[in-house]
Amino acid sequence: MNARFTGQTIIVTGAVGGIGSAIVEALLAEGGRVGLVDFNAQAGQAYEKELQKRGHDVCFVPTDVSHFEQCQAAYDRITRELGAATVLVNNVGISPKTNGRALKVWEMPPAEWNNVVSVNLNSVFYMTHLATPHMVQARQGRVINMSSVAGRAYCDIVAAHYAATKAGLIGLTRHWAAELGEHQVTVNALAPGRISTPLLKSVPQEINDAVAAVTALRRLGTPEEVADACLFFASDQARFVTGQVLDVAGGWLMT
């Protein structure tokens, strides 16, 4: 089987740990050059060194994606070192809790709302705004947005800011698919369910067990399973697929 991404530069936000790292590993395994964008400078630099020792062509840029100027700097450095990106994976996302609980609307500080909107939604506009001019010119490109089943159905595990931003990503995905289609750039979204990431270790086990019990496949997903779906959208195999939202949720909520 030929490597699907040989010679291509891909940018992944939220690239360090969990789903992000699984996507990075899968892209590298298929020949891609990957730009890593993440807030965690220490972990990102260590991950970059590890990947480079394994012979991969990567570039890590510590970035607070809630600020356009930092997104611009990250995009410029990655494209300078690895070449212009033909694939953008807008994976970054946060879902704050207070004492393990999602806050209700009357409890939520406006600053928390603004931070989630900035990271989960604004950053996707920033990075897509930066990446698409080259894709349009090249008449080749893939944009993959990381939504959630919580953006398609009510989920009491998350707060309103997370659900609103993930629903917003679905709207952006469809709108941009229409805008960019004539330029042969596709835009699709993934909607993961409950995925077994390191973050879930801080969640009481009974919560995860309850989700698994009402999931058709009776288990949580893995980051690698989300990465597999991401690679399909990023590849030439999905060249006639755009404006779509794919649940990777094992039958949880069945949106």
Foldseek 3Di string as FASTA:
>chain_A
DAQQAAPAEEEEEPLFFFLNVLLVVNNQVSHYEYEYEYQDVVRQVVVVVVVVVVVGHYHYDRADLLDLVRLVVSQVVSCVRRNAHQEYELEDADFDDDVQAADAPVPDDVVVLSSRCSGLAVSLVSNCVVRVVVCLVVLGHEYEYEAAVLLVDPDRSTYPSNNVSSVVVLVVQQVVQVVCVVSLYAGEYEHEYAEDTPVCVVHPPVVQQVQLVQAQVSHHHYSNLVSVVVVCRGGPVCSVDHSYYHYPYNRRVVD
